[in-house]
């Protein structure tokens, strides 16, 4: 998942929106479909904040991914060291980048 951009927010608001923009600048949007749902800048900004919060909440996953061994290496580890050896390697990465606790309501 890449850092969310304005076009992502527009797509989240209306999956089939037909538009394009330049340099991630709302003021350059060209609505090929005439913006029939009248999506406003405020709606896009609110959705962008929501998408950014989701992106930020998954940062631990992006950090973990490059540190996990390749699947082939994990299978080899399972064969040679068993499930406990595999679990140790995976746990080390998970401990290094823990999943944030869900906010309590």
PDB file of N, CA and C in Angstrom:
ATOM      1  N   UNK A   1       0.850  -1.179   0.000  1.00  0.00           N
ATOM      2  CA  UNK A   1       0.000   0.000   0.000  1.00  0.00           C
ATOM      3  C   UNK A   1       0.891   1.235   0.000  1.00  0.00           C
ATOM      4  N   UNK A   2       0.592   2.136  -0.904  1.00  0.00           N
ATOM      5  CA  UNK A   2       1.352   3.378  -0.988  1.00  0.00           C
ATOM      6  C   UNK A   2       0.612   4.478  -0.233  1.00  0.00           C
ATOM      7  N   UNK A   3       1.370   5.496   0.139  1.00  0.00           N
ATOM      8  CA  UNK A   3       0.782   6.637   0.831  1.00  0.00           C
ATOM      9  C   UNK A   3      -0.394   7.172   0.017  1.00  0.00           C
ATOM     10  N   UNK A   4      -1.546   7.396   0.672  1.00  0.00           N
ATOM     11  CA  UNK A   4      -2.738   7.812  -0.072  1.00  0.00           C
ATOM     12  C   UNK A   4      -2.597   9.203  -0.690  1.00  0.00           C
ATOM     13  N   UNK A   5      -3.206   9.320  -1.854  1.00  0.00           N
ATOM     14  CA  UNK A   5      -3.195  10.588  -2.589  1.00  0.00           C
ATOM     15  C   UNK A   5      -4.640  11.012  -2.834  1.00  0.00           C
ATOM     16  N   UNK A   6      -4.817  12.202  -3.350  1.00  0.00           N
ATOM     17  CA  UNK A   6      -6.155  12.749  -3.582  1.00  0.00           C
ATOM     18  C   UNK A   6      -6.984  11.821  -4.466  1.00  0.00           C
ATOM     19  N   UNK A   7      -6.379  11.268  -5.496  1.00  0.00           N
ATOM     20  CA  UNK A   7      -7.124  10.392  -6.400  1.00  0.00           C
ATOM     21  C   UNK A   7      -7.637   9.152  -5.657  1.00  0.00           C
ATOM     22  N   UNK A   8      -6.887   8.692  -4.659  1.00  0.00           N
ATOM     23  CA  UNK A   8      -7.336   7.556  -3.847  1.00  0.00           C
ATOM     24  C   UNK A   8      -8.577   7.935  -3.035  1.00  0.00           C
ATOM     25  N   UNK A   9      -8.571   9.144  -2.492  1.00  0.00           N
ATOM     26  CA  UNK A   9      -9.723   9.618  -1.719  1.00  0.00           C
ATOM     27  C   UNK A   9     -10.950   9.742  -2.613  1.00  0.00           C
ATOM     28  N   UNK A  10     -10.751  10.271  -3.811  1.00  0.00           N
ATOM     29  CA  UNK A  10     -11.872  10.397  -4.750  1.00  0.00           C
ATOM     30  C   UNK A  10     -12.410   9.007  -5.099  1.00  0.00           C
ATOM     31  N   UNK A  11     -11.513   8.075  -5.369  1.00  0.00           N
ATOM     32  CA  UNK A  11     -11.931   6.706  -5.708  1.00  0.00           C
ATOM     33  C   UNK A  11     -12.644   6.033  -4.537  1.00  0.00           C
ATOM     34  N   UNK A  12     -12.224   6.343  -3.320  1.00  0.00           N
ATOM     35  CA  UNK A  12     -12.885   5.777  -2.146  1.00  0.00           C
ATOM     36  C   UNK A  12     -14.292   6.353  -1.987  1.00  0.00           C
ATOM     37  N   UNK A  13     -14.460   7.596  -2.396  1.00  0.00           N
ATOM     38  CA  UNK A  13     -15.786   8.229  -2.316  1.00  0.00           C
ATOM     39  C   UNK A  13     -16.703   7.748  -3.440  1.00  0.00           C
ATOM     40  N   UNK A  14     -16.116   7.524  -4.625  1.00  0.00           N
ATOM     41  CA  UNK A  14     -16.898   7.086  -5.788  1.00  0.00           C
ATOM     42  C   UNK A  14     -15.998   6.218  -6.653  1.00  0.00           C
ATOM     43  N   UNK A  15     -16.179   4.917  -6.554  1.00  0.00           N
ATOM     44  CA  UNK A  15     -15.289   3.965  -7.225  1.00  0.00           C
ATOM     45  C   UNK A  15     -15.170   4.188  -8.724  1.00  0.00           C
ATOM     46  N   UNK A  16     -16.232   4.617  -9.357  1.00  0.00           N
ATOM     47  CA  UNK A  16     -16.188   4.785 -10.807  1.00  0.00           C
ATOM     48  C   UNK A  16     -16.036   6.251 -11.237  1.00  0.00           C
ATOM     49  N   UNK A  17     -15.500   7.078 -10.356  1.00  0.00           N
ATOM     50  CA  UNK A  17     -15.282   8.486 -10.706  1.00  0.00           C
ATOM     51  C   UNK A  17     -14.337   8.561 -11.900  1.00  0.00           C
ATOM     52  N   UNK A  18     -14.645   9.443 -12.800  1.00  0.00           N
ATOM     53  CA  UNK A  18     -13.823   9.610 -13.991  1.00  0.00           C
ATOM     54  C   UNK A  18     -13.196  10.995 -13.944  1.00  0.00           C
ATOM     55  N   UNK A  19     -11.955  11.014 -13.460  1.00  0.00           N
ATOM     56  CA  UNK A  19     -11.260  12.292 -13.342  1.00  0.00           C
ATOM     57  C   UNK A  19      -9.759  12.052 -13.318  1.00  0.00           C
ATOM     58  N   UNK A  20      -9.028  13.122 -13.488  1.00  0.00           N
ATOM     59  CA  UNK A  20      -7.580  13.076 -13.323  1.00  0.00           C
ATOM     60  C   UNK A  20      -7.131  14.431 -12.793  1.00  0.00           C
ATOM     61  N   UNK A  21      -5.943  14.458 -12.238  1.00  0.00           N
ATOM     62  CA  UNK A  21      -5.396  15.698 -11.704  1.00  0.00           C
ATOM     63  C   UNK A  21      -3.882  15.685 -11.843  1.00  0.00           C
ATOM     64  N   UNK A  22      -3.276  16.832 -11.643  1.00  0.00           N
ATOM     65  CA  UNK A  22      -1.831  16.980 -11.771  1.00  0.00           C
ATOM     66  C   UNK A  22      -1.209  17.276 -10.410  1.00  0.00           C
ATOM     67  N   UNK A  23      -0.063  16.657 -10.146  1.00  0.00           N
ATOM     68  CA  UNK A  23       0.731  16.922  -8.942  1.00  0.00           C
ATOM     69  C   UNK A  23      -0.061  16.797  -7.639  1.00  0.00           C
ATOM     70  N   UNK A  24      -1.030  15.882  -7.625  1.00  0.00           N
ATOM     71  CA  UNK A  24      -1.813  15.658  -6.404  1.00  0.00           C
ATOM     72  C   UNK A  24      -2.435  16.958  -5.893  1.00  0.00           C
ATOM     73  N   UNK A  25      -2.889  17.808  -6.821  1.00  0.00           N
ATOM     74  CA  UNK A  25      -3.442  19.129  -6.493  1.00  0.00           C
ATOM     75  C   UNK A  25      -4.931  19.136  -6.831  1.00  0.00           C
ATOM     76  N   UNK A  26      -5.767  19.272  -5.802  1.00  0.00           N
ATOM     77  CA  UNK A  26      -7.218  19.240  -5.988  1.00  0.00           C
ATOM     78  C   UNK A  26      -7.677  20.261  -7.020  1.00  0.00           C
ATOM     79  N   UNK A  27      -7.053  21.411  -7.045  1.00  0.00           N
ATOM     80  CA  UNK A  27      -7.486  22.483  -7.938  1.00  0.00           C
ATOM     81  C   UNK A  27      -7.228  22.188  -9.412  1.00  0.00           C
ATOM     82  N   UNK A  28      -6.508  21.106  -9.709  1.00  0.00           N
ATOM     83  CA  UNK A  28      -6.250  20.757 -11.105  1.00  0.00           C
ATOM     84  C   UNK A  28      -7.135  19.613 -11.600  1.00  0.00           C
ATOM     85  N   UNK A  29      -8.114  19.200 -10.789  1.00  0.00           N
ATOM     86  CA  UNK A  29      -8.968  18.073 -11.183  1.00  0.00           C
ATOM     87  C   UNK A  29      -9.753  18.419 -12.446  1.00  0.00           C
ATOM     88  N   UNK A  30      -9.739  17.468 -13.357  1.00  0.00           N
ATOM     89  CA  UNK A  30     -10.586  17.528 -14.536  1.00  0.00           C
ATOM     90  C   UNK A  30     -11.552  16.356 -14.409  1.00  0.00           C
ATOM     91  N   UNK A  31     -12.831  16.682 -14.286  1.00  0.00           N
ATOM     92  CA  UNK A  31     -13.867  15.654 -14.142  1.00  0.00           C
ATOM     93  C   UNK A  31     -14.354  15.266 -15.528  1.00  0.00           C
ATOM     94  N   UNK A  32     -13.973  14.097 -15.982  1.00  0.00           N
ATOM     95  CA  UNK A  32     -14.403  13.631 -17.298  1.00  0.00           C
ATOM     96  C   UNK A  32     -15.884  13.302 -17.328  1.00  0.00           C
ATOM     97  N   UNK A  33     -16.453  13.006 -16.168  1.00  0.00           N
ATOM     98  CA  UNK A  33     -17.879  12.680 -16.084  1.00  0.00           C
ATOM     99  C   UNK A  33     -18.702  13.840 -15.531  1.00  0.00           C
ATOM    100  N   UNK A  34     -18.070  15.011 -15.369  1.00  0.00           N
ATOM    101  CA  UNK A  34     -18.790  16.188 -14.883  1.00  0.00           C
ATOM    102  C   UNK A  34     -19.059  16.188 -13.388  1.00  0.00           C
ATOM    103  N   UNK A  35     -18.443  15.241 -12.634  1.00  0.00           N
ATOM    104  CA  UNK A  35     -18.627  15.141 -11.188  1.00  0.00           C
ATOM    105  C   UNK A  35     -20.111  15.070 -10.822  1.00  0.00           C
ATOM    106  N   UNK A  36     -20.823  14.030 -11.319  1.00  0.00           N
ATOM    107  CA  UNK A  36     -22.271  13.961 -11.090  1.00  0.00           C
ATOM    108  C   UNK A  36     -22.669  13.857  -9.624  1.00  0.00           C
ATOM    109  N   UNK A  37     -21.790  13.359  -8.787  1.00  0.00           N
ATOM    110  CA  UNK A  37     -22.104  13.256  -7.360  1.00  0.00           C
ATOM    111  C   UNK A  37     -21.714  14.516  -6.596  1.00  0.00           C
ATOM    112  N   UNK A  38     -21.187  15.496  -7.307  1.00  0.00           N
ATOM    113  CA  UNK A  38     -20.777  16.774  -6.723  1.00  0.00           C
ATOM    114  C   UNK A  38     -19.871  16.578  -5.506  1.00  0.00           C
ATOM    115  N   UNK A  39     -18.838  15.782  -5.701  1.00  0.00           N
ATOM    116  CA  UNK A  39     -17.850  15.549  -4.644  1.00  0.00           C
ATOM    117  C   UNK A  39     -17.134  16.860  -4.361  1.00  0.00           C
ATOM    118  N   UNK A  40     -17.092  17.239  -3.092  1.00  0.00           N
ATOM    119  CA  UNK A  40     -16.492  18.518  -2.715  1.00  0.00           C
ATOM    120  C   UNK A  40     -15.048  18.328  -2.232  1.00  0.00           C
ATOM    121  N   UNK A  41     -14.345  19.416  -2.213  1.00  0.00           N
ATOM    122  CA  UNK A  41     -12.965  19.401  -1.711  1.00  0.00           C
ATOM    123  C   UNK A  41     -12.953  18.957  -0.249  1.00  0.00           C
ATOM    124  N   UNK A  42     -13.925  19.417   0.530  1.00  0.00           N
ATOM    125  CA  UNK A  42     -14.004  19.049   1.941  1.00  0.00           C
ATOM    126  C   UNK A  42     -14.192  17.541   2.115  1.00  0.00           C
ATOM    127  N   UNK A  43     -15.050  16.948   1.286  1.00  0.00           N
ATOM    128  CA  UNK A  43     -15.257  15.498   1.351  1.00  0.00           C
ATOM    129  C   UNK A  43     -13.964  14.757   1.030  1.00  0.00           C
ATOM    130  N   UNK A  44     -13.268  15.238   0.022  1.00  0.00           N
ATOM    131  CA  UNK A  44     -12.007  14.607  -0.373  1.00  0.00           C
ATOM    132  C   UNK A  44     -10.983  14.743   0.748  1.00  0.00           C
ATOM    133  N   UNK A  45     -10.893  15.925   1.350  1.00  0.00           N
ATOM    134  CA  UNK A  45      -9.934  16.132   2.439  1.00  0.00           C
ATOM    135  C   UNK A  45     -10.244  15.234   3.636  1.00  0.00           C
ATOM    136  N   UNK A  46     -11.528  15.100   3.980  1.00  0.00           N
ATOM    137  CA  UNK A  46     -11.918  14.228   5.096  1.00  0.00           C
ATOM    138  C   UNK A  46     -11.548  12.774   4.799  1.00  0.00           C
ATOM    139  N   UNK A  47     -11.837  12.321   3.573  1.00  0.00           N
ATOM    140  CA  UNK A  47     -11.537  10.945   3.201  1.00  0.00           C
ATOM    141  C   UNK A  47     -10.028  10.728   3.172  1.00  0.00           C
ATOM    142  N   UNK A  48      -9.285  11.726   2.727  1.00  0.00           N
ATOM    143  CA  UNK A  48      -7.826  11.619   2.686  1.00  0.00           C
ATOM    144  C   UNK A  48      -7.249  11.468   4.092  1.00  0.00           C
ATOM    145  N   UNK A  49      -7.797  12.194   5.057  1.00  0.00           N
ATOM    146  CA  UNK A  49      -7.372  12.049   6.454  1.00  0.00           C
ATOM    147  C   UNK A  49      -7.645  10.626   6.931  1.00  0.00           C
ATOM    148  N   UNK A  50      -8.823  10.108   6.621  1.00  0.00           N
ATOM    149  CA  UNK A  50      -9.192   8.741   7.007  1.00  0.00           C
ATOM    150  C   UNK A  50      -8.234   7.716   6.384  1.00  0.00           C
ATOM    151  N   UNK A  51      -7.947   7.880   5.095  1.00  0.00           N
ATOM    152  CA  UNK A  51      -7.035   6.959   4.413  1.00  0.00           C
ATOM    153  C   UNK A  51      -5.621   7.064   4.975  1.00  0.00           C
ATOM    154  N   UNK A  52      -5.203   8.283   5.325  1.00  0.00           N
ATOM    155  CA  UNK A  52      -3.867   8.478   5.901  1.00  0.00           C
ATOM    156  C   UNK A  52      -3.771   7.800   7.267  1.00  0.00           C
ATOM    157  N   UNK A  53      -4.829   7.886   8.054  1.00  0.00           N
ATOM    158  CA  UNK A  53      -4.844   7.222   9.364  1.00  0.00           C
ATOM    159  C   UNK A  53      -4.732   5.711   9.199  1.00  0.00           C
ATOM    160  N   UNK A  54      -5.430   5.166   8.218  1.00  0.00           N
ATOM    161  CA  UNK A  54      -5.335   3.730   7.947  1.00  0.00           C
ATOM    162  C   UNK A  54      -3.917   3.368   7.502  1.00  0.00           C
ATOM    163  N   UNK A  55      -3.365   4.160   6.595  1.00  0.00           N
ATOM    164  CA  UNK A  55      -1.999   3.940   6.114  1.00  0.00           C
ATOM    165  C   UNK A  55      -1.011   3.958   7.280  1.00  0.00           C
ATOM    166  N   UNK A  56      -1.127   4.950   8.144  1.00  0.00           N
ATOM    167  CA  UNK A  56      -0.225   5.071   9.294  1.00  0.00           C
ATOM    168  C   UNK A  56      -0.384   3.887  10.250  1.00  0.00           C
ATOM    169  N   UNK A  57      -1.615   3.412  10.423  1.00  0.00           N
ATOM    170  CA  UNK A  57      -1.859   2.316  11.360  1.00  0.00           C
ATOM    171  C   UNK A  57      -1.246   1.003  10.876  1.00  0.00           C
ATOM    172  N   UNK A  58      -0.939   0.911   9.599  1.00  0.00           N
ATOM    173  CA  UNK A  58      -0.359  -0.310   9.039  1.00  0.00           C
ATOM    174  C   UNK A  58       1.150  -0.209   8.829  1.00  0.00           C
ATOM    175  N   UNK A  59       1.757   0.809   9.387  1.00  0.00           N
ATOM    176  CA  UNK A  59       3.196   1.016   9.226  1.00  0.00           C
ATOM    177  C   UNK A  59       4.004  -0.173   9.730  1.00  0.00           C
ATOM    178  N   UNK A  60       3.552  -0.793  10.806  1.00  0.00           N
ATOM    179  CA  UNK A  60       4.271  -1.939  11.358  1.00  0.00           C
ATOM    180  C   UNK A  60       4.377  -3.065  10.320  1.00  0.00           C
ATOM    181  N   UNK A  61       3.352  -3.252   9.507  1.00  0.00           N
ATOM    182  CA  UNK A  61       3.377  -4.298   8.476  1.00  0.00           C
ATOM    183  C   UNK A  61       4.408  -3.974   7.398  1.00  0.00           C
ATOM    184  N   UNK A  62       4.470  -2.700   7.015  1.00  0.00           N
ATOM    185  CA  UNK A  62       5.439  -2.307   5.983  1.00  0.00           C
ATOM    186  C   UNK A  62       6.867  -2.481   6.487  1.00  0.00           C
ATOM    187  N   UNK A  63       7.083  -2.273   7.773  1.00  0.00           N
ATOM    188  CA  UNK A  63       8.418  -2.445   8.343  1.00  0.00           C
ATOM    189  C   UNK A  63       8.781  -3.924   8.484  1.00  0.00           C
ATOM    190  N   UNK A  64       7.806  -4.752   8.804  1.00  0.00           N
ATOM    191  CA  UNK A  64       8.061  -6.180   8.990  1.00  0.00           C
ATOM    192  C   UNK A  64       8.429  -6.871   7.680  1.00  0.00           C
ATOM    193  N   UNK A  65       7.707  -6.551   6.636  1.00  0.00           N
ATOM    194  CA  UNK A  65       7.794  -7.309   5.387  1.00  0.00           C
ATOM    195  C   UNK A  65       9.221  -7.531   4.884  1.00  0.00           C
ATOM    196  N   UNK A  66      10.063  -6.506   4.790  1.00  0.00           N
ATOM    197  CA  UNK A  66      11.403  -6.758   4.254  1.00  0.00           C
ATOM    198  C   UNK A  66      12.305  -7.550   5.201  1.00  0.00           C
ATOM    199  N   UNK A  67      11.911  -7.653   6.459  1.00  0.00           N
ATOM    200  CA  UNK A  67      12.747  -8.370   7.425  1.00  0.00           C
ATOM    201  C   UNK A  67      12.388  -9.849   7.564  1.00  0.00           C
ATOM    202  N   UNK A  68      11.218 -10.220   7.068  1.00  0.00           N
ATOM    203  CA  UNK A  68      10.878 -11.643   7.075  1.00  0.00           C
ATOM    204  C   UNK A  68      11.748 -12.363   6.049  1.00  0.00           C
ATOM    205  N   UNK A  69      12.177 -13.585   6.372  1.00  0.00           N
ATOM    206  CA  UNK A  69      12.918 -14.355   5.378  1.00  0.00           C
ATOM    207  C   UNK A  69      12.012 -14.679   4.180  1.00  0.00           C
ATOM    208  N   UNK A  70      12.632 -14.903   3.029  1.00  0.00           N
ATOM    209  CA  UNK A  70      11.873 -15.322   1.849  1.00  0.00           C
ATOM    210  C   UNK A  70      11.146 -16.628   2.173  1.00  0.00           C
ATOM    211  N   UNK A  71      10.043 -16.856   1.507  1.00  0.00           N
ATOM    212  CA  UNK A  71       9.253 -18.068   1.755  1.00  0.00           C
ATOM    213  C   UNK A  71      10.112 -19.327   1.606  1.00  0.00           C
ATOM    214  N   UNK A  72      10.984 -19.364   0.605  1.00  0.00           N
ATOM    215  CA  UNK A  72      11.849 -20.538   0.414  1.00  0.00           C
ATOM    216  C   UNK A  72      12.728 -20.762   1.637  1.00  0.00           C
ATOM    217  N   UNK A  73      13.242 -19.671   2.195  1.00  0.00           N
ATOM    218  CA  UNK A  73      14.090 -19.779   3.387  1.00  0.00           C
ATOM    219  C   UNK A  73      13.263 -20.205   4.606  1.00  0.00           C
ATOM    220  N   UNK A  74      12.028 -19.724   4.679  1.00  0.00           N
ATOM    221  CA  UNK A  74      11.167 -20.132   5.783  1.00  0.00           C
ATOM    222  C   UNK A  74      10.851 -21.630   5.704  1.00  0.00           C
ATOM    223  N   UNK A  75      10.614 -22.127   4.505  1.00  0.00           N
ATOM    224  CA  UNK A  75      10.345 -23.562   4.347  1.00  0.00           C
ATOM    225  C   UNK A  75      11.572 -24.386   4.714  1.00  0.00           C
ATOM    226  N   UNK A  76      12.736 -23.918   4.308  1.00  0.00           N
ATOM    227  CA  UNK A  76      13.977 -24.607   4.651  1.00  0.00           C
ATOM    228  C   UNK A  76      14.165 -24.620   6.174  1.00  0.00           C
ATOM    229  N   UNK A  77      13.882 -23.484   6.797  1.00  0.00           N
ATOM    230  CA  UNK A  77      13.977 -23.378   8.248  1.00  0.00           C
ATOM    231  C   UNK A  77      13.022 -24.363   8.926  1.00  0.00           C
ATOM    232  N   UNK A  78      11.805 -24.449   8.423  1.00  0.00           N
ATOM    233  CA  UNK A  78      10.849 -25.408   8.971  1.00  0.00           C
ATOM    234  C   UNK A  78      11.376 -26.838   8.856  1.00  0.00           C
ATOM    235  N   UNK A  79      11.959 -27.154   7.719  1.00  0.00           N
ATOM    236  CA  UNK A  79      12.464 -28.504   7.500  1.00  0.00           C
ATOM    237  C   UNK A  79      13.616 -28.832   8.456  1.00  0.00           C
ATOM    238  N   UNK A  80      14.553 -27.879   8.583  1.00  0.00           N
ATOM    239  CA  UNK A  80      15.762 -28.144   9.367  1.00  0.00           C
ATOM    240  C   UNK A  80      15.588 -27.906  10.870  1.00  0.00           C
ATOM    241  N   UNK A  81      14.783 -26.912  11.249  1.00  0.00           N
ATOM    242  CA  UNK A  81      14.681 -26.562  12.671  1.00  0.00           C
ATOM    243  C   UNK A  81      13.280 -26.738  13.248  1.00  0.00           C
ATOM    244  N   UNK A  82      12.355 -27.139  12.409  1.00  0.00           N
ATOM    245  CA  UNK A  82      11.001 -27.372  12.881  1.00  0.00           C
ATOM    246  C   UNK A  82      10.238 -26.087  13.135  1.00  0.00           C
ATOM    247  N   UNK A  83       9.033 -26.264  13.580  1.00  0.00           N
ATOM    248  CA  UNK A  83       8.130 -25.130  13.793  1.00  0.00           C
ATOM    249  C   UNK A  83       8.668 -24.152  14.833  1.00  0.00           C
ATOM    250  N   UNK A  84       9.341 -24.673  15.865  1.00  0.00           N
ATOM    251  CA  UNK A  84       9.858 -23.781  16.911  1.00  0.00           C
ATOM    252  C   UNK A  84      10.961 -22.871  16.375  1.00  0.00           C
ATOM    253  N   UNK A  85      11.825 -23.401  15.519  1.00  0.00           N
ATOM    254  CA  UNK A  85      12.874 -22.571  14.915  1.00  0.00           C
ATOM    255  C   UNK A  85      12.282 -21.494  14.025  1.00  0.00           C
ATOM    256  N   UNK A  86      11.265 -21.877  13.251  1.00  0.00           N
ATOM    257  CA  UNK A  86      10.584 -20.922  12.380  1.00  0.00           C
ATOM    258  C   UNK A  86       9.886 -19.840  13.202  1.00  0.00           C
ATOM    259  N   UNK A  87       9.173 -20.266  14.261  1.00  0.00           N
ATOM    260  CA  UNK A  87       8.446 -19.318  15.097  1.00  0.00           C
ATOM    261  C   UNK A  87       9.381 -18.290  15.725  1.00  0.00           C
ATOM    262  N   UNK A  88      10.577 -18.703  16.106  1.00  0.00           N
ATOM    263  CA  UNK A  88      11.519 -17.779  16.726  1.00  0.00           C
ATOM    264  C   UNK A  88      11.905 -16.657  15.758  1.00  0.00           C
ATOM    265  N   UNK A  89      12.223 -17.024  14.522  1.00  0.00           N
ATOM    266  CA  UNK A  89      12.607 -16.016  13.524  1.00  0.00           C
ATOM    267  C   UNK A  89      11.453 -15.036  13.275  1.00  0.00           C
ATOM    268  N   UNK A  90      10.251 -15.570  13.119  1.00  0.00           N
ATOM    269  CA  UNK A  90       9.091 -14.722  12.855  1.00  0.00           C
ATOM    270  C   UNK A  90       8.778 -13.854  14.071  1.00  0.00           C
ATOM    271  N   UNK A  91       8.859 -14.437  15.258  1.00  0.00           N
ATOM    272  CA  UNK A  91       8.568 -13.690  16.491  1.00  0.00           C
ATOM    273  C   UNK A  91       9.550 -12.540  16.686  1.00  0.00           C
ATOM    274  N   UNK A  92      10.813 -12.757  16.337  1.00  0.00           N
ATOM    275  CA  UNK A  92      11.809 -11.683  16.473  1.00  0.00           C
ATOM    276  C   UNK A  92      11.403 -10.457  15.656  1.00  0.00           C
ATOM    277  N   UNK A  93      10.930 -10.693  14.446  1.00  0.00           N
ATOM    278  CA  UNK A  93      10.511  -9.575  13.589  1.00  0.00           C
ATOM    279  C   UNK A  93       9.242  -8.937  14.164  1.00  0.00           C
ATOM    280  N   UNK A  94       8.297  -9.754  14.583  1.00  0.00           N
ATOM    281  CA  UNK A  94       7.053  -9.220  15.142  1.00  0.00           C
ATOM    282  C   UNK A  94       7.319  -8.422  16.428  1.00  0.00           C
ATOM    283  N   UNK A  95       8.264  -8.887  17.210  1.00  0.00           N
ATOM    284  CA  UNK A  95       8.608  -8.162  18.443  1.00  0.00           C
ATOM    285  C   UNK A  95       9.299  -6.838  18.124  1.00  0.00           C
ATOM    286  N   UNK A  96      10.086  -6.836  17.074  1.00  0.00           N
ATOM    287  CA  UNK A  96      10.800  -5.612  16.684  1.00  0.00           C
ATOM    288  C   UNK A  96       9.822  -4.531  16.207  1.00  0.00           C
ATOM    289  N   UNK A  97       8.762  -4.960  15.504  1.00  0.00           N
ATOM    290  CA  UNK A  97       7.745  -4.048  14.979  1.00  0.00           C
ATOM    291  C   UNK A  97       6.376  -4.520  15.460  1.00  0.00           C
ATOM    292  N   UNK A  98       6.030  -4.249  16.709  1.00  0.00           N
ATOM    293  CA  UNK A  98       4.755  -4.753  17.237  1.00  0.00           C
ATOM    294  C   UNK A  98       3.547  -4.084  16.595  1.00  0.00           C
ATOM    295  N   UNK A  99       2.489  -4.845  16.557  1.00  0.00           N
ATOM    296  CA  UNK A  99       1.218  -4.307  16.076  1.00  0.00           C
ATOM    297  C   UNK A  99       0.688  -3.367  17.146  1.00  0.00           C
ATOM    298  N   UNK A 100       0.311  -2.149  16.767  1.00  0.00           N
ATOM    299  CA  UNK A 100      -0.220  -1.217  17.767  1.00  0.00           C
ATOM    300  C   UNK A 100      -1.525  -1.754  18.362  1.00  0.00           C
ATOM    301  N   UNK A 101      -1.737  -1.440  19.599  1.00  0.00           N
ATOM    302  CA  UNK A 101      -2.978  -1.840  20.243  1.00  0.00           C
ATOM    303  C   UNK A 101      -4.119  -1.001  19.702  1.00  0.00           C
ATOM    304  N   UNK A 102      -5.277  -1.649  19.570  1.00  0.00           N
ATOM    305  CA  UNK A 102      -6.458  -0.936  19.110  1.00  0.00           C
ATOM    306  C   UNK A 102      -6.864   0.072  20.169  1.00  0.00           C
ATOM    307  N   UNK A 103      -7.256   1.272  19.743  1.00  0.00           N
ATOM    308  CA  UNK A 103      -7.692   2.267  20.728  1.00  0.00           C
ATOM    309  C   UNK A 103      -8.953   1.791  21.433  1.00  0.00           C
ATOM    310  N   UNK A 104      -8.988   2.007  22.737  1.00  0.00           N
ATOM    311  CA  UNK A 104     -10.169   1.600  23.494  1.00  0.00           C
ATOM    312  C   UNK A 104     -11.225   2.695  23.392  1.00  0.00           C
ATOM    313  N   UNK A 105     -12.454   2.237  23.351  1.00  0.00           N
ATOM    314  CA  UNK A 105     -13.563   3.203  23.178  1.00  0.00           C
ATOM    315  C   UNK A 105     -14.277   3.429  24.470  1.00  0.00           C
TER     316      UNK A 105
END
